[in-house]
N, C-alpha and C. Protein backbone atom coordinates (compact mmCIF):
# COMPACT_ATOMS: atom_id res chain seq x y z
N UNK A 1 7.16 17.11 20.06
CA UNK A 1 7.76 15.77 20.02
C UNK A 1 7.02 14.99 18.88
N UNK A 2 7.67 14.26 17.91
CA UNK A 2 7.34 13.39 16.82
C UNK A 2 6.22 12.46 17.27
N UNK A 3 6.24 11.88 18.61
CA UNK A 3 5.35 10.90 18.97
C UNK A 3 3.99 11.73 19.01
N UNK A 4 3.98 12.75 19.69
CA UNK A 4 2.83 13.63 19.82
C UNK A 4 2.10 13.91 18.61
N UNK A 5 2.93 14.31 17.33
CA UNK A 5 2.39 14.56 16.09
C UNK A 5 1.73 13.17 15.49
N UNK A 6 2.34 12.18 15.78
CA UNK A 6 1.89 11.00 15.43
C UNK A 6 0.36 10.50 16.02
N UNK A 7 0.24 11.04 17.20
CA UNK A 7 -1.06 10.87 18.14
C UNK A 7 -2.25 11.56 17.48
N UNK A 8 -2.11 12.51 17.02
CA UNK A 8 -3.01 13.20 16.05
C UNK A 8 -3.49 12.46 14.95
N UNK A 9 -2.95 11.53 14.40
CA UNK A 9 -3.45 10.56 13.55
C UNK A 9 -4.01 9.39 14.02
N UNK A 10 -3.48 8.85 15.05
CA UNK A 10 -3.94 7.51 15.81
C UNK A 10 -5.48 8.05 16.50
N UNK A 11 -5.47 9.32 16.72
CA UNK A 11 -6.84 9.49 17.74
C UNK A 11 -7.97 9.14 17.01
N UNK A 12 -7.93 8.97 15.58
CA UNK A 12 -9.13 8.59 14.84
C UNK A 12 -9.35 7.14 14.64
N UNK A 13 -8.22 6.38 14.99
CA UNK A 13 -8.52 4.83 14.79
C UNK A 13 -7.12 4.22 14.28
N UNK A 14 -7.12 2.93 14.25
CA UNK A 14 -5.87 2.33 13.79
C UNK A 14 -6.00 2.34 12.27
N UNK A 15 -7.03 2.07 11.69
CA UNK A 15 -7.14 2.08 10.43
C UNK A 15 -8.45 2.90 9.89
N UNK A 16 -8.19 3.93 8.96
CA UNK A 16 -9.54 4.71 8.55
C UNK A 16 -9.52 5.07 7.33
N UNK A 17 -10.38 5.35 6.71
CA UNK A 17 -10.52 5.80 5.21
C UNK A 17 -10.60 7.38 5.15
N UNK A 18 -10.10 7.94 4.14
CA UNK A 18 -10.38 9.35 3.66
C UNK A 18 -11.30 9.25 2.44
N UNK A 19 -11.43 10.55 2.22
CA UNK A 19 -12.47 10.70 0.92
C UNK A 19 -11.75 10.51 -0.39
N UNK A 20 -10.35 10.34 -0.28
CA UNK A 20 -9.56 10.46 -1.65
C UNK A 20 -9.90 8.67 -2.17
N UNK A 21 -9.89 8.66 -3.47
CA UNK A 21 -9.99 7.49 -4.14
C UNK A 21 -9.52 7.26 -5.44
N UNK A 22 -8.90 6.14 -5.89
CA UNK A 22 -8.71 5.73 -7.52
C UNK A 22 -9.73 5.34 -7.65
N UNK A 23 -10.52 5.79 -8.69
CA UNK A 23 -11.99 5.36 -9.19
C UNK A 23 -11.81 4.08 -9.81
N UNK A 24 -10.84 3.50 -10.52
CA UNK A 24 -10.48 2.31 -10.98
C UNK A 24 -9.24 1.92 -10.83
N UNK A 25 -9.08 1.13 -9.51
CA UNK A 25 -7.96 0.63 -9.31
C UNK A 25 -7.12 -0.47 -10.02
N UNK A 26 -8.08 -1.18 -10.65
CA UNK A 26 -7.78 -2.46 -11.29
C UNK A 26 -7.07 -1.70 -12.72
N UNK A 27 -7.59 -0.40 -13.21
CA UNK A 27 -6.92 -0.02 -14.43
C UNK A 27 -5.47 0.40 -14.30
N UNK A 28 -5.19 0.90 -12.85
CA UNK A 28 -3.87 1.33 -12.53
C UNK A 28 -2.90 -0.11 -12.40
N UNK A 29 -3.59 -1.04 -11.98
CA UNK A 29 -2.74 -2.36 -11.76
C UNK A 29 -2.56 -2.71 -13.23
N UNK A 30 -3.36 -2.79 -14.20
CA UNK A 30 -3.11 -3.33 -15.63
C UNK A 30 -2.30 -2.41 -16.19
N UNK A 31 -2.36 -1.04 -15.93
CA UNK A 31 -1.12 -0.17 -16.46
C UNK A 31 0.14 -0.36 -16.04
N UNK A 32 0.43 -0.92 -14.78
CA UNK A 32 1.73 -1.04 -14.16
C UNK A 32 2.11 -2.47 -14.62
N UNK A 33 1.39 -3.29 -14.91
CA UNK A 33 1.87 -4.56 -15.41
C UNK A 33 2.25 -4.69 -16.98
N UNK A 34 1.53 -3.69 -17.53
CA UNK A 34 1.79 -3.36 -19.19
C UNK A 34 3.10 -2.81 -19.24
N UNK A 35 3.33 -1.58 -18.38
CA UNK A 35 4.45 -0.86 -18.75
C UNK A 35 5.68 -0.96 -17.77
N UNK A 36 5.78 -1.76 -16.90
CA UNK A 36 6.95 -1.90 -15.82
C UNK A 36 7.01 -3.28 -15.60
N UNK A 37 8.30 -3.73 -15.12
CA UNK A 37 8.54 -4.94 -14.65
C UNK A 37 8.70 -4.86 -13.04
N UNK A 38 7.81 -5.68 -12.29
CA UNK A 38 7.88 -5.91 -10.82
C UNK A 38 9.21 -6.58 -10.71
N UNK A 39 9.80 -6.19 -9.55
CA UNK A 39 10.87 -7.05 -8.87
C UNK A 39 10.78 -7.44 -7.63
N UNK A 40 11.61 -8.26 -7.31
CA UNK A 40 11.46 -9.31 -6.10
C UNK A 40 11.67 -7.98 -4.84
N UNK A 41 10.55 -8.22 -3.93
CA UNK A 41 10.79 -7.41 -2.74
C UNK A 41 11.52 -7.98 -1.69
N UNK A 42 12.54 -7.33 -1.22
CA UNK A 42 13.56 -7.91 -0.19
C UNK A 42 14.07 -9.22 -0.75
N UNK A 43 15.00 -9.22 -1.73
CA UNK A 43 15.38 -10.37 -2.39
C UNK A 43 16.21 -11.34 -1.78
N UNK A 44 16.49 -10.94 -0.74
CA UNK A 44 17.22 -11.85 0.44
C UNK A 44 16.25 -12.91 0.89
N UNK A 45 15.03 -12.72 0.82
CA UNK A 45 14.23 -13.58 1.38
C UNK A 45 13.41 -14.37 0.37
N UNK A 46 13.32 -15.75 0.46
CA UNK A 46 12.69 -16.47 -0.80
C UNK A 46 11.17 -16.61 -0.41
N UNK A 47 10.46 -15.37 -0.55
CA UNK A 47 8.98 -15.23 -0.22
C UNK A 47 8.47 -14.53 -1.36
N UNK A 48 7.24 -14.95 -1.96
CA UNK A 48 6.52 -14.58 -3.16
C UNK A 48 6.03 -13.35 -3.03
N UNK A 49 6.93 -12.13 -3.17
CA UNK A 49 6.65 -10.82 -2.82
C UNK A 49 7.23 -10.10 -3.92
N UNK A 50 6.64 -9.11 -4.46
CA UNK A 50 7.17 -8.14 -5.68
C UNK A 50 6.71 -6.90 -5.42
N UNK A 51 7.83 -5.92 -5.87
CA UNK A 51 7.56 -4.57 -5.81
C UNK A 51 7.73 -3.74 -7.02
N UNK A 52 7.17 -2.40 -6.93
CA UNK A 52 7.30 -1.45 -8.14
C UNK A 52 7.52 -0.32 -7.48
N UNK A 53 8.69 0.40 -7.53
CA UNK A 53 8.89 1.57 -6.84
C UNK A 53 8.27 2.63 -7.39
N UNK A 54 7.63 3.46 -6.54
CA UNK A 54 6.91 4.74 -6.94
C UNK A 54 7.98 5.84 -6.67
N UNK A 55 8.96 5.76 -5.57
CA UNK A 55 10.04 6.59 -5.36
C UNK A 55 11.30 5.71 -5.27
N UNK A 56 12.25 6.52 -5.63
CA UNK A 56 13.67 5.74 -5.52
C UNK A 56 14.67 6.94 -5.14
N UNK A 57 15.94 6.31 -5.42
CA UNK A 57 17.04 7.33 -5.19
C UNK A 57 17.20 8.24 -6.31
N UNK A 58 17.01 7.74 -7.45
CA UNK A 58 17.29 8.67 -8.63
C UNK A 58 16.19 8.54 -9.58
N UNK A 59 14.98 8.04 -9.37
CA UNK A 59 13.94 7.75 -10.35
C UNK A 59 13.92 6.64 -11.19
N UNK A 60 14.78 5.70 -10.69
CA UNK A 60 15.05 4.58 -11.43
C UNK A 60 14.17 3.58 -10.78
N UNK A 61 14.02 2.38 -11.46
CA UNK A 61 13.21 1.26 -11.10
C UNK A 61 13.58 -0.04 -10.82
N UNK A 62 14.77 -0.15 -10.57
CA UNK A 62 15.54 -1.35 -10.67
C UNK A 62 15.18 -2.19 -9.05
N UNK A 63 14.82 -1.24 -8.19
CA UNK A 63 14.53 -1.84 -6.84
C UNK A 63 15.51 -1.97 -5.96
N UNK A 64 16.89 -1.67 -6.31
CA UNK A 64 18.05 -1.76 -5.72
C UNK A 64 18.56 -0.34 -5.30
N UNK A 65 18.51 0.12 -4.11
CA UNK A 65 18.13 -0.82 -2.94
C UNK A 65 16.74 -0.56 -2.39
N UNK A 66 16.01 0.24 -3.06
CA UNK A 66 14.82 0.82 -2.35
C UNK A 66 13.88 -0.54 -2.25
N UNK A 67 13.94 -1.60 -2.62
CA UNK A 67 12.91 -2.82 -2.28
C UNK A 67 13.66 -3.82 -1.41
N UNK A 68 14.94 -3.31 -0.92
CA UNK A 68 15.82 -4.33 -0.46
C UNK A 68 15.54 -3.99 1.17
N UNK A 69 16.28 -4.87 2.14
CA UNK A 69 16.51 -4.23 3.44
C UNK A 69 17.48 -3.30 3.47
N UNK A 70 17.29 -2.24 3.94
CA UNK A 70 18.31 -1.22 4.00
C UNK A 70 19.42 -1.37 5.22
N UNK A 71 18.97 -2.07 6.14
CA UNK A 71 19.80 -2.55 7.29
C UNK A 71 20.72 -3.35 6.66
N UNK A 72 20.62 -4.37 5.81
CA UNK A 72 21.44 -5.35 5.35
C UNK A 72 22.32 -4.64 4.08
N UNK A 73 21.54 -3.78 3.38
CA UNK A 73 22.41 -3.38 2.25
C UNK A 73 23.27 -2.60 2.70
N UNK A 74 22.94 -1.60 3.63
CA UNK A 74 23.94 -0.53 4.33
C UNK A 74 25.08 -1.37 4.82
N UNK A 75 24.89 -2.41 5.44
CA UNK A 75 25.98 -3.27 6.18
C UNK A 75 26.85 -3.67 5.03
N UNK A 76 26.30 -4.36 4.13
CA UNK A 76 27.12 -4.96 3.01
C UNK A 76 27.87 -4.11 2.12
N UNK A 77 27.34 -2.92 1.92
CA UNK A 77 27.95 -1.88 1.10
C UNK A 77 28.51 -0.53 1.65
N UNK A 78 28.50 -0.71 2.90
CA UNK A 78 29.04 0.57 3.68
C UNK A 78 28.53 1.73 3.26
N UNK A 79 27.37 1.89 3.18
CA UNK A 79 26.42 2.89 2.86
C UNK A 79 25.52 3.32 4.04
N UNK A 80 24.78 4.33 3.88
CA UNK A 80 24.17 4.82 5.11
C UNK A 80 22.92 5.38 4.67
N UNK A 81 22.17 4.71 3.72
CA UNK A 81 20.92 5.13 3.12
C UNK A 81 19.73 5.18 4.29
N UNK A 82 19.00 6.25 4.31
CA UNK A 82 17.82 6.31 5.05
C UNK A 82 16.54 6.18 4.23
N UNK A 83 15.45 6.00 4.76
CA UNK A 83 13.88 5.77 4.16
C UNK A 83 13.92 7.05 3.42
N UNK A 84 14.12 8.24 4.03
CA UNK A 84 13.82 9.62 3.42
C UNK A 84 14.90 9.89 2.19
N UNK A 85 15.66 9.12 2.08
CA UNK A 85 16.84 9.21 0.83
C UNK A 85 15.84 8.71 -0.38
N UNK A 86 14.71 8.07 -0.34
CA UNK A 86 14.15 7.47 -1.61
C UNK A 86 13.06 8.40 -1.92
N UNK A 87 13.25 9.53 -2.41
CA UNK A 87 12.19 10.60 -2.73
C UNK A 87 11.91 10.97 -4.18
N UNK A 88 12.73 10.54 -4.97
CA UNK A 88 12.35 10.78 -6.40
C UNK A 88 11.56 9.97 -7.04
N UNK A 89 10.35 10.84 -7.59
CA UNK A 89 9.21 9.87 -8.13
C UNK A 89 9.57 9.26 -9.37
N UNK A 90 9.28 7.85 -9.63
CA UNK A 90 9.43 7.22 -11.04
C UNK A 90 8.56 7.34 -11.84
N UNK A 91 8.75 6.74 -12.98
CA UNK A 91 7.71 6.60 -14.07
C UNK A 91 6.15 6.15 -13.41
N UNK A 92 6.36 4.97 -12.56
CA UNK A 92 5.29 4.37 -11.98
C UNK A 92 4.43 5.17 -11.28
N UNK A 93 4.93 6.27 -10.79
CA UNK A 93 4.17 7.27 -9.99
C UNK A 93 3.20 8.00 -10.93
N UNK A 94 3.70 8.39 -12.09
CA UNK A 94 3.20 9.35 -13.05
C UNK A 94 1.76 8.73 -13.68
N UNK A 95 0.76 8.29 -12.75
CA UNK A 95 -0.30 8.00 -13.41
C UNK A 95 -1.31 9.23 -12.89
N UNK A 96 -1.82 9.62 -14.01
CA UNK A 96 -2.55 11.13 -13.81
C UNK A 96 -3.66 11.19 -12.57
N UNK A 97 -4.11 10.23 -12.26
CA UNK A 97 -5.27 10.14 -11.29
C UNK A 97 -4.51 10.06 -9.85
N UNK A 98 -3.49 9.35 -9.81
CA UNK A 98 -2.84 9.10 -8.75
C UNK A 98 -1.88 10.34 -8.31
N UNK A 99 -1.42 10.90 -9.16
CA UNK A 99 -0.50 12.29 -9.29
C UNK A 99 -1.60 13.17 -8.55
N UNK A 100 -2.76 13.19 -9.23
CA UNK A 100 -3.74 14.25 -8.74
C UNK A 100 -4.19 14.17 -7.17
N UNK A 101 -4.50 12.93 -6.88
CA UNK A 101 -4.59 12.50 -5.38
C UNK A 101 -3.68 12.97 -4.48
N UNK A 102 -2.44 12.55 -4.91
CA UNK A 102 -1.24 12.90 -4.02
C UNK A 102 -0.68 14.26 -3.91
N UNK A 103 -1.10 14.93 -4.91
CA UNK A 103 -0.29 16.34 -5.09
C UNK A 103 -0.19 17.03 -3.99
N UNK A 104 -1.01 17.33 -2.94
CA UNK A 104 -0.84 18.05 -1.67
C UNK A 104 0.41 17.46 -0.87
N UNK A 105 0.80 16.34 -1.16
CA UNK A 105 1.84 15.67 -0.40
C UNK A 105 2.89 15.28 -1.08
N UNK A 106 3.05 15.53 -2.50
CA UNK A 106 3.89 14.97 -3.28
C UNK A 106 5.56 15.10 -2.86
N UNK A 107 5.76 16.28 -2.27
CA UNK A 107 7.00 16.69 -1.93
C UNK A 107 7.46 15.82 -0.31
N UNK A 108 6.26 15.24 0.17
CA UNK A 108 6.62 14.40 1.51
C UNK A 108 6.59 12.94 1.27
N UNK A 109 6.66 12.37 0.41
CA UNK A 109 6.65 11.13 0.00
C UNK A 109 8.11 10.49 -0.29
N UNK A 110 8.25 9.38 0.42
CA UNK A 110 9.67 8.67 0.32
C UNK A 110 9.55 7.36 0.41
N UNK A 111 10.34 6.40 -0.23
CA UNK A 111 10.50 4.90 -0.33
C UNK A 111 9.10 4.46 -0.17
N UNK A 112 8.32 4.82 -1.33
CA UNK A 112 7.15 4.32 -1.50
C UNK A 112 7.01 3.23 -2.99
N UNK A 113 5.88 2.31 -2.70
CA UNK A 113 5.84 1.15 -3.89
C UNK A 113 4.65 0.64 -4.12
N UNK A 114 4.43 -0.01 -5.31
CA UNK A 114 3.19 -0.96 -5.34
C UNK A 114 3.62 -2.12 -4.91
N UNK A 115 3.15 -2.90 -3.90
CA UNK A 115 3.34 -4.32 -3.43
C UNK A 115 2.31 -5.20 -3.99
N UNK A 116 3.07 -6.28 -4.67
CA UNK A 116 2.40 -7.45 -5.15
C UNK A 116 2.62 -8.73 -4.56
N UNK A 117 1.65 -9.28 -3.70
CA UNK A 117 1.96 -10.45 -2.98
C UNK A 117 1.30 -11.54 -3.89
N UNK A 118 1.99 -12.43 -4.30
CA UNK A 118 1.58 -13.71 -5.16
C UNK A 118 1.24 -14.68 -4.20
N UNK A 119 0.82 -15.91 -4.91
CA UNK A 119 0.24 -17.10 -4.20
C UNK A 119 1.04 -17.34 -3.00
N UNK A 120 0.66 -17.45 -1.89
CA UNK A 120 1.50 -17.97 -0.73
C UNK A 120 2.64 -16.77 -0.13
N UNK A 121 2.41 -15.69 -0.89
CA UNK A 121 3.24 -14.78 -0.01
C UNK A 121 2.78 -14.09 1.10
N UNK A 122 3.60 -13.64 1.97
CA UNK A 122 3.26 -13.12 3.32
C UNK A 122 4.49 -12.21 3.85
N UNK A 123 3.89 -11.51 4.82
CA UNK A 123 4.77 -10.82 5.91
C UNK A 123 4.49 -11.27 7.21
N UNK A 124 5.44 -11.63 7.89
CA UNK A 124 5.17 -12.23 9.27
C UNK A 124 4.86 -10.98 10.18
N UNK A 125 4.36 -11.32 11.40
CA UNK A 125 4.07 -10.34 12.35
C UNK A 125 5.19 -9.33 12.65
N UNK A 126 4.99 -8.07 12.57
CA UNK A 126 6.03 -6.94 12.80
C UNK A 126 5.23 -5.66 12.94
N UNK A 127 6.00 -4.74 13.25
CA UNK A 127 6.08 -3.35 13.48
C UNK A 127 6.61 -2.38 12.48
N UNK A 128 6.21 -1.52 12.13
CA UNK A 128 7.03 -0.61 11.31
C UNK A 128 8.01 0.51 12.22
N UNK A 129 7.50 0.59 13.36
CA UNK A 129 8.22 1.72 14.02
C UNK A 129 8.51 1.32 15.70
N UNK A 130 9.54 1.82 16.30
CA UNK A 130 9.88 1.62 17.62
C UNK A 130 10.31 2.87 18.21
N UNK A 131 10.35 2.64 19.47
CA UNK A 131 10.65 3.92 20.23
C UNK A 131 10.02 5.18 20.24
N UNK A 132 10.45 6.25 20.52
CA UNK A 132 9.56 7.53 20.68
C UNK A 132 9.68 8.66 19.43
N UNK A 133 10.63 8.29 18.69
CA UNK A 133 10.84 9.32 17.49
C UNK A 133 10.13 8.82 16.31
N UNK A 134 9.13 9.42 16.04
CA UNK A 134 8.44 8.92 14.66
C UNK A 134 8.56 10.22 13.75
N UNK A 135 9.02 9.78 12.49
CA UNK A 135 9.28 10.84 11.58
C UNK A 135 8.32 10.70 10.26
N UNK A 136 7.40 9.42 10.14
CA UNK A 136 6.61 9.25 9.09
C UNK A 136 5.63 8.39 9.50
N UNK A 137 4.59 8.23 8.60
CA UNK A 137 3.38 7.08 8.85
C UNK A 137 3.16 6.58 7.47
N UNK A 138 2.33 5.70 7.73
CA UNK A 138 1.97 4.83 6.25
C UNK A 138 0.53 5.23 5.75
N UNK A 139 0.35 5.27 4.54
CA UNK A 139 -0.77 5.40 3.83
C UNK A 139 -0.93 3.87 2.80
N UNK A 140 -1.93 3.33 2.94
CA UNK A 140 -2.26 2.14 2.08
C UNK A 140 -3.36 2.48 1.21
N UNK A 141 -3.02 2.15 -0.06
CA UNK A 141 -4.31 2.21 -1.19
C UNK A 141 -4.57 0.80 -1.80
N UNK A 142 -5.60 0.18 -1.04
CA UNK A 142 -5.83 -1.30 -1.55
C UNK A 142 -6.38 -1.40 -3.16
N UNK A 143 -5.52 -2.20 -3.83
CA UNK A 143 -5.96 -2.23 -5.26
C UNK A 143 -6.67 -3.40 -5.73
N UNK A 144 -6.29 -4.51 -5.39
CA UNK A 144 -6.91 -5.61 -6.01
C UNK A 144 -6.71 -6.85 -5.11
N UNK A 145 -7.63 -7.90 -4.97
CA UNK A 145 -7.52 -8.93 -4.32
C UNK A 145 -6.96 -8.86 -2.87
N UNK A 146 -7.35 -7.95 -2.02
CA UNK A 146 -6.96 -7.40 -0.62
C UNK A 146 -7.89 -7.82 0.48
N UNK A 147 -8.76 -8.52 0.16
CA UNK A 147 -9.91 -8.96 1.08
C UNK A 147 -9.92 -10.28 1.48
N UNK A 148 -10.48 -10.86 2.69
CA UNK A 148 -10.65 -12.32 3.09
C UNK A 148 -11.89 -12.82 2.25
N UNK A 149 -11.79 -14.07 2.07
CA UNK A 149 -10.78 -14.99 2.52
C UNK A 149 -9.64 -15.29 1.70
N UNK A 150 -9.61 -14.56 0.41
CA UNK A 150 -8.47 -14.78 -0.52
C UNK A 150 -7.00 -14.26 0.16
N UNK A 151 -7.35 -13.13 0.65
CA UNK A 151 -5.98 -12.35 1.29
C UNK A 151 -6.67 -11.85 2.85
N UNK A 152 -5.36 -12.04 3.64
CA UNK A 152 -5.72 -11.49 5.08
C UNK A 152 -4.65 -10.61 5.55
N UNK A 153 -5.35 -9.42 5.96
CA UNK A 153 -4.69 -8.29 6.59
C UNK A 153 -4.92 -8.25 7.97
N UNK A 154 -4.24 -8.56 8.88
CA UNK A 154 -4.47 -8.34 10.32
C UNK A 154 -3.56 -7.31 10.84
N UNK A 155 -4.18 -6.54 11.64
CA UNK A 155 -3.41 -5.34 12.36
C UNK A 155 -4.28 -5.28 13.58
N UNK A 156 -3.28 -5.20 14.74
CA UNK A 156 -3.79 -5.18 16.16
C UNK A 156 -5.04 -6.06 16.39
N UNK A 157 -4.81 -7.30 15.84
CA UNK A 157 -5.73 -8.24 16.20
C UNK A 157 -6.89 -8.49 15.24
N UNK A 158 -7.27 -7.46 14.40
CA UNK A 158 -8.36 -7.43 13.79
C UNK A 158 -8.12 -7.61 12.20
N UNK A 159 -8.96 -8.54 11.51
CA UNK A 159 -8.96 -8.74 10.05
C UNK A 159 -9.67 -7.52 9.46
N UNK A 160 -8.87 -6.82 8.35
CA UNK A 160 -9.40 -5.66 7.80
C UNK A 160 -9.88 -5.98 6.47
N UNK A 161 -11.04 -5.13 6.11
CA UNK A 161 -11.87 -5.31 4.99
C UNK A 161 -11.82 -3.90 4.34
N UNK A 162 -11.35 -3.89 3.17
CA UNK A 162 -10.97 -2.67 2.48
C UNK A 162 -11.87 -2.38 1.11
N UNK A 163 -12.25 -0.95 0.97
CA UNK A 163 -12.69 -0.61 0.06
C UNK A 163 -11.70 -0.24 -1.23
N UNK A 164 -11.70 -0.96 -2.21
CA UNK A 164 -10.51 -0.85 -3.29
C UNK A 164 -10.56 0.72 -3.75
N UNK A 165 -9.19 1.07 -3.92
CA UNK A 165 -8.98 2.44 -4.30
C UNK A 165 -9.03 3.35 -3.39
N UNK A 166 -9.58 3.23 -2.16
CA UNK A 166 -9.70 4.35 -1.20
C UNK A 166 -8.38 4.45 -0.45
N UNK A 167 -8.04 5.55 -0.24
CA UNK A 167 -6.70 6.16 0.52
C UNK A 167 -6.88 5.91 2.02
N UNK A 168 -6.19 5.10 2.71
CA UNK A 168 -6.31 4.74 4.02
C UNK A 168 -5.04 5.38 4.90
N UNK A 169 -5.21 5.71 6.03
CA UNK A 169 -4.26 5.85 7.16
C UNK A 169 -4.33 4.38 7.85
N UNK A 170 -2.99 3.88 7.96
CA UNK A 170 -3.04 2.84 8.68
C UNK A 170 -1.65 2.84 10.00
N UNK A 171 -2.05 2.59 11.06
CA UNK A 171 -1.06 2.79 11.96
C UNK A 171 -0.15 1.37 12.14
N UNK A 172 0.72 1.34 11.32
CA UNK A 172 1.67 0.20 11.28
C UNK A 172 2.53 0.17 12.42
N UNK A 173 2.70 1.22 13.59
CA UNK A 173 3.11 0.82 14.76
C UNK A 173 2.39 -0.38 15.56
N UNK A 174 1.41 -0.59 15.15
CA UNK A 174 0.74 -1.78 15.57
C UNK A 174 1.16 -2.87 15.01
N UNK A 175 1.12 -4.17 15.71
CA UNK A 175 1.48 -5.32 15.20
C UNK A 175 0.71 -5.74 14.15
N UNK A 176 1.16 -6.18 12.91
CA UNK A 176 0.26 -6.49 11.70
C UNK A 176 1.13 -7.53 11.02
N UNK A 177 0.25 -8.22 10.04
CA UNK A 177 0.79 -9.39 9.44
C UNK A 177 -0.11 -9.56 8.29
N UNK A 178 0.30 -10.25 7.14
CA UNK A 178 -0.43 -10.32 5.84
C UNK A 178 -0.12 -11.66 5.16
N UNK A 179 -1.20 -12.25 4.47
CA UNK A 179 -0.95 -13.48 3.73
C UNK A 179 -1.89 -13.68 2.92
N UNK A 180 -1.23 -14.16 1.55
CA UNK A 180 -2.29 -14.24 0.34
C UNK A 180 -2.44 -15.93 0.27
N UNK A 181 -3.58 -16.38 0.45
CA UNK A 181 -3.97 -17.86 0.31
C UNK A 181 -4.61 -18.07 -0.91
N UNK A 182 -4.75 -16.90 -1.67
CA UNK A 182 -5.38 -17.38 -3.11
C UNK A 182 -4.34 -17.69 -4.33
N UNK A 183 -5.01 -17.82 -5.31
CA UNK A 183 -4.15 -18.04 -6.75
C UNK A 183 -3.88 -16.76 -7.30
N UNK A 184 -4.55 -15.63 -6.97
CA UNK A 184 -4.65 -14.48 -7.52
C UNK A 184 -3.61 -13.45 -6.79
N UNK A 185 -2.95 -12.48 -7.45
CA UNK A 185 -2.16 -11.74 -6.96
C UNK A 185 -2.65 -10.62 -6.28
N UNK A 186 -2.21 -10.25 -4.95
CA UNK A 186 -2.73 -8.94 -4.31
C UNK A 186 -1.88 -7.89 -4.70
N UNK A 187 -2.50 -6.71 -4.91
CA UNK A 187 -1.86 -5.36 -5.39
C UNK A 187 -2.37 -4.60 -4.20
N UNK A 188 -1.36 -3.75 -3.61
CA UNK A 188 -1.71 -2.47 -2.99
C UNK A 188 -0.54 -1.40 -3.11
N UNK A 189 -0.80 -0.12 -2.77
CA UNK A 189 -0.07 0.77 -2.85
C UNK A 189 0.64 1.17 -1.50
N UNK A 190 1.82 1.19 -1.05
CA UNK A 190 2.23 1.59 0.24
C UNK A 190 3.14 2.62 0.15
N UNK A 191 2.64 3.78 0.90
CA UNK A 191 3.17 4.95 1.01
C UNK A 191 3.86 5.38 2.05
N UNK A 192 5.14 5.71 2.21
CA UNK A 192 5.90 6.36 3.48
C UNK A 192 5.64 7.93 3.56
N UNK A 193 5.02 8.49 4.32
CA UNK A 193 4.78 9.80 4.20
C UNK A 193 5.41 10.57 5.49
N UNK A 194 6.21 11.60 4.95
CA UNK A 194 6.91 12.35 6.20
C UNK A 194 5.71 13.05 7.27
N UNK A 195 6.04 12.90 8.66
CA UNK A 195 4.99 13.31 9.58
C UNK A 195 5.19 14.87 9.78
N UNK A 196 4.32 15.64 9.28
CA UNK A 196 4.59 16.89 9.57
C UNK A 196 2.97 17.58 9.46
N UNK A 197 2.86 18.95 9.61
CA UNK A 197 1.46 19.63 9.73
C UNK A 197 0.63 19.49 8.54
N UNK A 198 1.52 19.35 7.31
CA UNK A 198 0.89 19.48 5.90
C UNK A 198 0.27 18.11 5.82
N UNK A 199 0.99 16.88 6.07
CA UNK A 199 0.55 15.66 5.62
C UNK A 199 -0.44 15.09 6.76
N UNK A 200 -0.28 15.76 8.16
CA UNK A 200 -1.40 15.36 9.06
C UNK A 200 -2.87 15.96 8.75
N UNK A 201 -2.62 17.04 8.08
CA UNK A 201 -3.99 17.67 7.73
C UNK A 201 -4.40 17.02 6.50
N UNK A 202 -3.44 16.72 5.54
CA UNK A 202 -4.06 15.80 4.56
C UNK A 202 -5.07 14.69 4.87
N UNK A 203 -4.69 14.22 5.88
CA UNK A 203 -5.50 12.97 6.30
C UNK A 203 -6.51 13.35 7.33
N UNK A 204 -6.34 14.04 8.23
CA UNK A 204 -7.42 14.56 9.29
C UNK A 204 -8.57 15.60 8.58
N UNK A 205 -8.11 16.15 7.80
CA UNK A 205 -9.17 17.01 7.13
C UNK A 205 -9.89 16.60 6.15
N UNK A 206 -9.75 15.23 5.79
CA UNK A 206 -10.30 14.58 4.71
C UNK A 206 -10.63 13.19 5.13
N UNK A 207 -11.26 13.16 6.40
CA UNK A 207 -11.97 11.75 6.66
C UNK A 207 -13.16 11.57 5.88
N UNK A 208 -13.08 10.28 5.77
CA UNK A 208 -14.63 9.88 5.13
C UNK A 208 -15.54 9.58 6.06
N UNK A 209 -16.85 10.20 5.84
CA UNK A 209 -17.83 10.00 6.70
C UNK A 209 -18.51 8.76 6.47
N UNK A 210 -18.77 7.98 7.58
CA UNK A 210 -19.31 6.41 7.23
C UNK A 210 -20.92 6.62 7.00
C-alpha cells in the first residue's frame, strides 16, 4: 500500500536533513534571477508568490498550467492534467550542482519549482495529501531568507529553522503554513518526488548525522 511506503519516510521525523547540499544556494538564486523570469504562482490568487518551473509539461517555463491550480485549470479548460504529467526538466533545472545532487532521482521528479515568496506573501494552513493513497512526497531545499523572524514556516505546530542549501524531507501531509514578514524575498526549491523504492532509499540511506 502506498501509505505504508510513505511511513518509511515519516518514521524518521516530520522534517529532517539529508547529507545532500547545494554549497552556495545564493549563487543558484542569482543565476535564476539573471537568466529567467519568475511568474505568478497560482495567478488566480492575489498573493505575493512567484515561481520558476523546474519541470513542466514540455520543458517550457511559462508557468501555465504548472504553477496554476490544476483543479481550476482542468475545470476551465476541460483537461485532465495530473501532477505526474509535469515531468520534463526545464532550463532552470540544468544548474550543474543541482543536476548532480538529484541525478539518482531525476526520472522520479514531477511538478517541481523554485518558489519565491515576496514581502507579505504567504500560504494559509493546508495539507498536501489526503486519504490513503500516497504516490509522492516533498523535498524542500531552502535557499535564501527562509528562517525566522523574517520568514516563518510552521509545520505540525513547530517553527522550522533551516540550513540553507540542505536537502530536506518534509512531511507535508501534516498541517503547515508559511509567511514572509520581511522586505527580502524568500527562495526555496520544492520538489514533488514519486514514491517508490528508489526515492525512499535516496532519502533514508543519506540521512545527515546530527
